[in-house]
């Protein structure tokens, strides 16, 4: 049970900074074990061909979220996201996948 509201936590309470969550570590270990059991890199290469959408989603999760872009002169580029275009991409993706599944 936690301390009552308004009362500061005792010094040293909680997990130390940088300590991984145990559940997250166990889940990551299970996923890596399943990947190895299916053939590791060869399995991922096959998934890139058979299921490119989900595979690219996986790749996107591994890429850094904040990337500093610059032009050839070293000046920073500012990239903005247009919510209308993002929504259109999502709709196109859903329509494409729906048509693809219905053709099967």
Protein backbone atom coordinates (compact mmCIF):
# COMPACT_ATOMS: atom_id res chain seq x y z
CA UNK A 1 0.00 0.00 0.00
CA UNK A 2 1.35 3.42 -0.96
CA UNK A 3 1.88 6.43 1.23
CA UNK A 4 -1.13 8.71 1.83
CA UNK A 5 -1.63 11.57 -0.67
CA UNK A 6 0.38 14.69 0.04
CA UNK A 7 3.02 12.80 1.95
CA UNK A 8 6.43 12.56 0.25
CA UNK A 9 7.85 9.14 -0.58
CA UNK A 10 10.62 7.92 1.69
CA UNK A 11 14.14 8.33 0.32
CA UNK A 12 15.12 5.33 -1.81
CA UNK A 13 11.53 4.22 -2.44
CA UNK A 14 10.75 2.58 -5.76
CA UNK A 15 12.93 1.14 -8.48
CA UNK A 16 16.30 2.68 -9.24
CA UNK A 17 16.51 4.73 -12.44
CA UNK A 18 17.39 2.58 -15.43
CA UNK A 19 16.29 -0.69 -13.83
CA UNK A 20 14.24 -2.59 -16.44
CA UNK A 21 10.72 -3.68 -15.63
CA UNK A 22 10.88 -7.43 -14.89
CA UNK A 23 7.70 -8.23 -16.84
CA UNK A 24 9.02 -6.37 -19.89
CA UNK A 25 12.30 -8.28 -19.71
CA UNK A 26 10.53 -11.62 -19.41
CA UNK A 27 8.22 -10.79 -22.33
CA UNK A 28 11.18 -9.72 -24.49
CA UNK A 29 12.98 -12.97 -23.62
CA UNK A 30 9.91 -15.01 -24.63
CA UNK A 31 9.59 -13.15 -27.94
CA UNK A 32 13.27 -13.62 -28.73
CA UNK A 33 13.00 -17.32 -27.82
CA UNK A 34 10.04 -17.76 -30.17
CA UNK A 35 11.92 -15.97 -32.94
CA UNK A 36 14.95 -18.20 -32.50
CA UNK A 37 12.74 -21.32 -32.50
CA UNK A 38 11.30 -20.26 -35.88
CA UNK A 39 14.67 -19.70 -37.52
CA UNK A 40 15.73 -16.23 -36.41
CA UNK A 41 16.82 -13.98 -39.27
CA UNK A 42 15.63 -16.38 -42.00
CA UNK A 43 12.14 -16.30 -40.49
CA UNK A 44 12.15 -12.49 -40.45
CA UNK A 45 13.31 -12.43 -44.08
CA UNK A 46 10.41 -14.69 -45.02
CA UNK A 47 7.96 -12.46 -43.12
CA UNK A 48 9.29 -9.40 -44.98
CA UNK A 49 8.18 -11.09 -48.21
CA UNK A 50 4.95 -12.73 -47.05
CA UNK A 51 3.73 -9.98 -44.70
CA UNK A 52 5.42 -6.71 -45.70
CA UNK A 53 2.93 -4.46 -43.85
CA UNK A 54 3.37 -5.98 -40.38
CA UNK A 55 7.10 -6.39 -41.04
CA UNK A 56 7.47 -2.68 -41.83
CA UNK A 57 5.49 -1.84 -38.69
CA UNK A 58 8.05 -3.84 -36.73
CA UNK A 59 10.89 -1.96 -38.43
CA UNK A 60 9.19 1.37 -37.66
CA UNK A 61 9.14 0.50 -33.95
CA UNK A 62 12.91 -0.01 -34.03
CA UNK A 63 13.72 3.31 -35.71
CA UNK A 64 14.50 6.35 -33.58
CA UNK A 65 11.51 8.61 -33.02
CA UNK A 66 13.46 11.88 -33.18
CA UNK A 67 15.83 12.22 -36.10
CA UNK A 68 17.69 15.44 -36.82
CA UNK A 69 17.59 16.06 -40.58
CA UNK A 70 19.72 18.60 -42.38
CA UNK A 71 20.21 19.74 -45.95
CA UNK A 72 23.51 19.59 -47.86
CA UNK A 73 24.59 22.86 -46.23
CA UNK A 74 24.03 21.47 -42.75
CA UNK A 75 20.96 23.61 -42.08
CA UNK A 76 18.26 21.81 -40.07
CA UNK A 77 15.16 20.63 -41.90
CA UNK A 78 11.83 20.91 -40.15
CA UNK A 79 9.40 18.13 -41.02
CA UNK A 80 5.79 18.61 -40.07
CA UNK A 81 3.02 16.07 -40.10
CA UNK A 82 -0.31 16.87 -41.70
CA UNK A 83 -3.15 15.08 -39.84
CA UNK A 84 -5.25 15.03 -43.03
CA UNK A 85 -2.54 13.20 -44.96
CA UNK A 86 -1.94 10.82 -42.04
CA UNK A 87 -5.67 9.98 -41.92
CA UNK A 88 -5.75 9.46 -45.70
CA UNK A 89 -2.81 7.07 -45.47
CA UNK A 90 -4.55 5.06 -42.76
CA UNK A 91 -7.77 4.84 -44.79
CA UNK A 92 -5.84 3.78 -47.90
CA UNK A 93 -4.00 1.13 -45.88
CA UNK A 94 -7.26 -0.25 -44.46
CA UNK A 95 -8.96 -0.26 -47.85
CA UNK A 96 -5.99 -1.98 -49.49
CA UNK A 97 -5.83 -4.66 -46.81
CA UNK A 98 -9.59 -5.18 -46.92
CA UNK A 99 -9.55 -5.65 -50.70
CA UNK A 100 -6.50 -7.90 -50.48
CA UNK A 101 -8.17 -10.15 -47.87
CA UNK A 102 -11.44 -10.31 -49.84
CA UNK A 103 -9.59 -11.42 -52.99
CA UNK A 104 -8.11 -14.45 -51.18
